[in-house]
Amino acid sequence: MAWLIRAAGPTDAPAIAAIWNPVIRETLVTFNSAEKSAADIALMIQQRSEADHAVLLAEAGERVLGFAAYGQFRGGIGYARTMEHTIILAPEARGRGVGRALMAAIEDHARRRGAHSLIAGVSAANPAGRAFHAAIGYAEVARLPEVGFKAGRWLDLVLMQKML
């Protein structure tokens, strides 16, 4: 499978929603249970662009295989060089190097803009996500017990960090 990575634009919002919403609906990967509309995603793309952060996507032909995005970890000037990212892949893109390529591109984008580290907030109910991040150099730095609630369950959040 050949793909390319490029910056997402507002017209990509429906395709991003098409791969993000099943993850929201059907998994414990995200604690969010509210699906994303195309308008929500277009606004996120615009806001990240205005902040000189990124939403990047991988695509093969016309098919979006996944996306990665980052923004400031917490508000305030003291956190201005610490970013948090999101990465979501379509099922057919998993295990094919797409996630690694997206993360390398996001890390490079953040590094060029002065970011010092990236944070991954990974559901403890997502062992594949934790293993993926560990394999690309993220270390577990904290576990926040029972901070998420979804599908009638309390869920732990694992914070993983990579210095850029």
C-alpha atoms as a PDB file:
ATOM      1  CA  MET A   1       0.000   0.000   0.000  1.00  0.00           C
ATOM      2  CA  ALA A   2       1.557   3.299  -1.110  1.00  0.00           C
ATOM      3  CA  TRP A   3       0.465   6.451   0.658  1.00  0.00           C
ATOM      4  CA  LEU A   4       1.443  10.066   1.070  1.00  0.00           C
ATOM      5  CA  ILE A   5       1.287  12.386   4.051  1.00  0.00           C
ATOM      6  CA  ARG A   6       0.007  15.925   3.660  1.00  0.00           C
ATOM      7  CA  ALA A   7      -1.576  18.736   5.640  1.00  0.00           C
ATOM      8  CA  ALA A   8      -5.296  18.311   6.169  1.00  0.00           C
ATOM      9  CA  GLY A   9      -7.663  20.998   4.976  1.00  0.00           C
ATOM     10  CA  PRO A  10     -11.294  21.725   5.844  1.00  0.00           C
ATOM     11  CA  THR A  11     -12.504  19.656   2.874  1.00  0.00           C
ATOM     12  CA  ASP A  12     -10.878  16.585   4.470  1.00  0.00           C
ATOM     13  CA  ALA A  13     -13.134  16.853   7.531  1.00  0.00           C
ATOM     14  CA  PRO A  14     -15.805  14.351   6.361  1.00  0.00           C
ATOM     15  CA  ALA A  15     -13.171  11.702   5.570  1.00  0.00           C
ATOM     16  CA  ILE A  16     -11.489  12.238   8.948  1.00  0.00           C
ATOM     17  CA  ALA A  17     -14.878  11.959  10.682  1.00  0.00           C
ATOM     18  CA  ALA A  18     -15.511   8.693   8.836  1.00  0.00           C
ATOM     19  CA  ILE A  19     -12.479   7.059  10.468  1.00  0.00           C
ATOM     20  CA  TRP A  20     -12.649   8.864  13.837  1.00  0.00           C
ATOM     21  CA  ASN A  21     -16.324   8.302  14.670  1.00  0.00           C
ATOM     22  CA  PRO A  22     -16.230   4.481  14.656  1.00  0.00           C
ATOM     23  CA  VAL A  23     -13.343   4.678  17.141  1.00  0.00           C
ATOM     24  CA  ILE A  24     -15.444   6.990  19.335  1.00  0.00           C
ATOM     25  CA  ARG A  25     -18.559   4.819  18.993  1.00  0.00           C
ATOM     26  CA  GLU A  26     -17.113   1.342  19.237  1.00  0.00           C
ATOM     27  CA  THR A  27     -13.944   1.414  21.347  1.00  0.00           C
ATOM     28  CA  LEU A  28     -12.404   2.530  24.614  1.00  0.00           C
ATOM     29  CA  VAL A  29      -9.465   4.089  22.752  1.00  0.00           C
ATOM     30  CA  THR A  30     -10.941   7.521  23.467  1.00  0.00           C
ATOM     31  CA  PHE A  31     -12.949   8.444  26.536  1.00  0.00           C
ATOM     32  CA  ASN A  32     -15.078  10.776  24.415  1.00  0.00           C
ATOM     33  CA  SER A  33     -18.482   9.367  23.515  1.00  0.00           C
ATOM     34  CA  ALA A  34     -19.660  12.341  21.418  1.00  0.00           C
ATOM     35  CA  GLU A  35     -19.050  11.831  17.722  1.00  0.00           C
ATOM     36  CA  LYS A  36     -17.286  14.513  15.695  1.00  0.00           C
ATOM     37  CA  SER A  37     -19.136  16.356  12.966  1.00  0.00           C
ATOM     38  CA  ALA A  38     -17.375  17.487   9.823  1.00  0.00           C
ATOM     39  CA  ALA A  39     -17.851  21.069  11.083  1.00  0.00           C
ATOM     40  CA  ASP A  40     -16.140  20.191  14.398  1.00  0.00           C
ATOM     41  CA  ILE A  41     -13.172  18.727  12.554  1.00  0.00           C
ATOM     42  CA  ALA A  42     -12.949  21.605  10.069  1.00  0.00           C
ATOM     43  CA  LEU A  43     -12.825  24.003  13.024  1.00  0.00           C
ATOM     44  CA  MET A  44     -10.081  21.924  14.690  1.00  0.00           C
ATOM     45  CA  ILE A  45      -8.058  22.003  11.465  1.00  0.00           C
ATOM     46  CA  GLN A  46      -8.485  25.777  11.226  1.00  0.00           C
ATOM     47  CA  GLN A  47      -7.559  26.359  14.887  1.00  0.00           C
ATOM     48  CA  ARG A  48      -4.469  24.141  14.720  1.00  0.00           C
ATOM     49  CA  SER A  49      -3.365  25.913  11.552  1.00  0.00           C
ATOM     50  CA  GLU A  50      -3.841  29.341  13.131  1.00  0.00           C
ATOM     51  CA  ALA A  51      -1.734  28.226  16.135  1.00  0.00           C
ATOM     52  CA  ASP A  52       1.009  26.943  13.764  1.00  0.00           C
ATOM     53  CA  HIS A  53       0.311  23.383  14.884  1.00  0.00           C
ATOM     54  CA  ALA A  54      -0.693  20.628  12.490  1.00  0.00           C
ATOM     55  CA  VAL A  55      -3.323  18.179  11.370  1.00  0.00           C
ATOM     56  CA  LEU A  56      -1.685  15.782   8.932  1.00  0.00           C
ATOM     57  CA  LEU A  57      -3.276  12.909   7.106  1.00  0.00           C
ATOM     58  CA  ALA A  58      -2.120   9.855   5.252  1.00  0.00           C
ATOM     59  CA  GLU A  59      -3.914   8.971   2.069  1.00  0.00           C
ATOM     60  CA  ALA A  60      -3.708   6.392  -0.676  1.00  0.00           C
ATOM     61  CA  GLY A  61      -5.309   7.748  -3.803  1.00  0.00           C
ATOM     62  CA  GLU A  62      -8.528   9.362  -2.631  1.00  0.00           C
ATOM     63  CA  ARG A  63      -8.775   7.253   0.563  1.00  0.00           C
ATOM     64  CA  VAL A  64      -7.802   8.781   3.933  1.00  0.00           C
ATOM     65  CA  LEU A  65      -5.947   6.111   5.909  1.00  0.00           C
ATOM     66  CA  GLY A  66      -5.480   8.085   9.106  1.00  0.00           C
ATOM     67  CA  PHE A  67      -4.576  11.382  10.657  1.00  0.00           C
ATOM     68  CA  ALA A  68      -2.420  12.827  13.390  1.00  0.00           C
ATOM     69  CA  ALA A  69      -2.790  16.208  15.024  1.00  0.00           C
ATOM     70  CA  TYR A  70      -1.139  18.098  17.833  1.00  0.00           C
ATOM     71  CA  GLY A  71      -1.727  21.142  19.966  1.00  0.00           C
ATOM     72  CA  GLN A  72      -0.505  22.630  23.204  1.00  0.00           C
ATOM     73  CA  PHE A  73      -0.709  20.170  26.117  1.00  0.00           C
ATOM     74  CA  ARG A  74      -2.231  22.647  28.561  1.00  0.00           C
ATOM     75  CA  GLY A  75      -3.094  26.327  28.380  1.00  0.00           C
ATOM     76  CA  GLY A  76      -0.697  29.048  29.414  1.00  0.00           C
ATOM     77  CA  ILE A  77       2.718  30.222  28.336  1.00  0.00           C
ATOM     78  CA  GLY A  78       4.520  27.826  30.689  1.00  0.00           C
ATOM     79  CA  TYR A  79       3.320  24.884  28.569  1.00  0.00           C
ATOM     80  CA  ALA A  80       4.035  26.503  25.197  1.00  0.00           C
ATOM     81  CA  ARG A  81       6.718  23.961  24.262  1.00  0.00           C
ATOM     82  CA  THR A  82       4.876  20.826  25.383  1.00  0.00           C
ATOM     83  CA  MET A  83       2.391  19.399  22.905  1.00  0.00           C
ATOM     84  CA  GLU A  84      -0.170  16.606  23.007  1.00  0.00           C
ATOM     85  CA  HIS A  85      -1.087  14.582  19.952  1.00  0.00           C
ATOM     86  CA  THR A  86      -3.896  12.447  18.613  1.00  0.00           C
ATOM     87  CA  ILE A  87      -3.467   9.703  16.047  1.00  0.00           C
ATOM     88  CA  ILE A  88      -6.284   7.649  14.524  1.00  0.00           C
ATOM     89  CA  LEU A  89      -5.908   5.090  11.740  1.00  0.00           C
ATOM     90  CA  ALA A  90      -8.447   3.346   9.558  1.00  0.00           C
ATOM     91  CA  PRO A  91      -8.499  -0.403  10.299  1.00  0.00           C
ATOM     92  CA  GLU A  92      -6.895  -1.308   6.956  1.00  0.00           C
ATOM     93  CA  ALA A  93      -3.940   1.026   7.658  1.00  0.00           C
ATOM     94  CA  ARG A  94      -2.927  -0.536  10.971  1.00  0.00           C
ATOM     95  CA  GLY A  95       0.304  -2.499  11.050  1.00  0.00           C
ATOM     96  CA  ARG A  96       1.505  -1.138   7.694  1.00  0.00           C
ATOM     97  CA  GLY A  97       3.810   1.705   8.824  1.00  0.00           C
ATOM     98  CA  VAL A  98       1.223   4.438   8.291  1.00  0.00           C
ATOM     99  CA  GLY A  99       1.094   5.335  11.990  1.00  0.00           C
ATOM    100  CA  ARG A 100       4.889   5.504  12.265  1.00  0.00           C
ATOM    101  CA  ALA A 101       5.064   7.748   9.194  1.00  0.00           C
ATOM    102  CA  LEU A 102       2.336  10.067  10.541  1.00  0.00           C
ATOM    103  CA  MET A 103       4.039  10.302  13.931  1.00  0.00           C
ATOM    104  CA  ALA A 104       7.437  11.030  12.368  1.00  0.00           C
ATOM    105  CA  ALA A 105       5.837  13.844  10.360  1.00  0.00           C
ATOM    106  CA  ILE A 106       3.990  15.270  13.395  1.00  0.00           C
ATOM    107  CA  GLU A 107       7.132  15.091  15.544  1.00  0.00           C
ATOM    108  CA  ASP A 108       9.169  16.802  12.827  1.00  0.00           C
ATOM    109  CA  HIS A 109       6.537  19.541  12.432  1.00  0.00           C
ATOM    110  CA  ALA A 110       6.430  20.161  16.195  1.00  0.00           C
ATOM    111  CA  ARG A 111      10.232  20.073  16.542  1.00  0.00           C
ATOM    112  CA  ARG A 112      10.665  22.669  13.768  1.00  0.00           C
ATOM    113  CA  ARG A 113       8.297  24.956  15.672  1.00  0.00           C
ATOM    114  CA  GLY A 114      10.219  24.723  18.930  1.00  0.00           C
ATOM    115  CA  ALA A 115       8.327  21.993  20.781  1.00  0.00           C
ATOM    116  CA  HIS A 116      10.399  20.268  23.440  1.00  0.00           C
ATOM    117  CA  SER A 117       8.204  17.219  24.024  1.00  0.00           C
ATOM    118  CA  LEU A 118       5.083  15.434  22.868  1.00  0.00           C
ATOM    119  CA  ILE A 119       2.575  13.800  25.191  1.00  0.00           C
ATOM    120  CA  ALA A 120       0.349  10.862  24.304  1.00  0.00           C
ATOM    121  CA  GLY A 121      -2.708  10.362  26.497  1.00  0.00           C
ATOM    122  CA  VAL A 122      -3.475   6.674  25.938  1.00  0.00           C
ATOM    123  CA  SER A 123      -6.375   4.749  27.401  1.00  0.00           C
ATOM    124  CA  ALA A 124      -5.149   1.917  29.618  1.00  0.00           C
ATOM    125  CA  ALA A 125      -7.792  -0.144  27.781  1.00  0.00           C
ATOM    126  CA  ASN A 126      -5.752   0.338  24.588  1.00  0.00           C
ATOM    127  CA  PRO A 127      -2.694  -1.922  24.957  1.00  0.00           C
ATOM    128  CA  ALA A 128      -1.963  -1.684  21.213  1.00  0.00           C
ATOM    129  CA  GLY A 129      -1.780   2.114  21.496  1.00  0.00           C
ATOM    130  CA  ARG A 130       0.605   1.898  24.449  1.00  0.00           C
ATOM    131  CA  ALA A 131       2.787  -0.648  22.610  1.00  0.00           C
ATOM    132  CA  PHE A 132       2.813   1.512  19.460  1.00  0.00           C
ATOM    133  CA  HIS A 133       3.956   4.584  21.368  1.00  0.00           C
ATOM    134  CA  ALA A 134       6.601   2.622  23.293  1.00  0.00           C
ATOM    135  CA  ALA A 135       7.941   1.241  19.994  1.00  0.00           C
ATOM    136  CA  ILE A 136       8.472   4.764  18.632  1.00  0.00           C
ATOM    137  CA  GLY A 137      10.246   6.062  21.725  1.00  0.00           C
ATOM    138  CA  TYR A 138       7.530   7.234  24.120  1.00  0.00           C
ATOM    139  CA  ALA A 139       7.954   6.400  27.801  1.00  0.00           C
ATOM    140  CA  GLU A 140       5.162   6.007  30.317  1.00  0.00           C
ATOM    141  CA  VAL A 141       5.470   8.912  32.748  1.00  0.00           C
ATOM    142  CA  ALA A 142       2.151   8.728  34.631  1.00  0.00           C
ATOM    143  CA  ARG A 143      -0.989   6.708  35.089  1.00  0.00           C
ATOM    144  CA  LEU A 144      -4.095   8.577  36.192  1.00  0.00           C
ATOM    145  CA  PRO A 145      -6.492   6.050  37.732  1.00  0.00           C
ATOM    146  CA  GLU A 146     -10.172   6.175  36.841  1.00  0.00           C
ATOM    147  CA  VAL A 147     -10.205   9.603  35.207  1.00  0.00           C
ATOM    148  CA  GLY A 148     -12.301   8.502  32.234  1.00  0.00           C
ATOM    149  CA  PHE A 149     -15.762   6.971  32.185  1.00  0.00           C
ATOM    150  CA  LYS A 150     -17.207   5.260  29.132  1.00  0.00           C
ATOM    151  CA  ALA A 151     -19.407   2.245  28.451  1.00  0.00           C
ATOM    152  CA  GLY A 152     -20.200   1.930  32.156  1.00  0.00           C
ATOM    153  CA  ARG A 153     -16.518   1.591  33.093  1.00  0.00           C
ATOM    154  CA  TRP A 154     -13.976   3.729  34.873  1.00  0.00           C
ATOM    155  CA  LEU A 155     -10.825   3.949  32.765  1.00  0.00           C
ATOM    156  CA  ASP A 156      -7.228   4.838  33.538  1.00  0.00           C
ATOM    157  CA  LEU A 157      -5.303   7.323  31.409  1.00  0.00           C
ATOM    158  CA  VAL A 158      -1.656   6.540  30.682  1.00  0.00           C
ATOM    159  CA  LEU A 159       0.503   9.542  29.860  1.00  0.00           C
ATOM    160  CA  MET A 160       3.468   8.803  27.634  1.00  0.00           C
ATOM    161  CA  GLN A 161       6.112  11.345  26.644  1.00  0.00           C
ATOM    162  CA  LYS A 162       8.839  11.716  24.058  1.00  0.00           C
ATOM    163  CA  MET A 163      11.473  14.424  24.178  1.00  0.00           C
ATOM    164  CA  LEU A 164      12.005  15.945  20.782  1.00  0.00           C
END
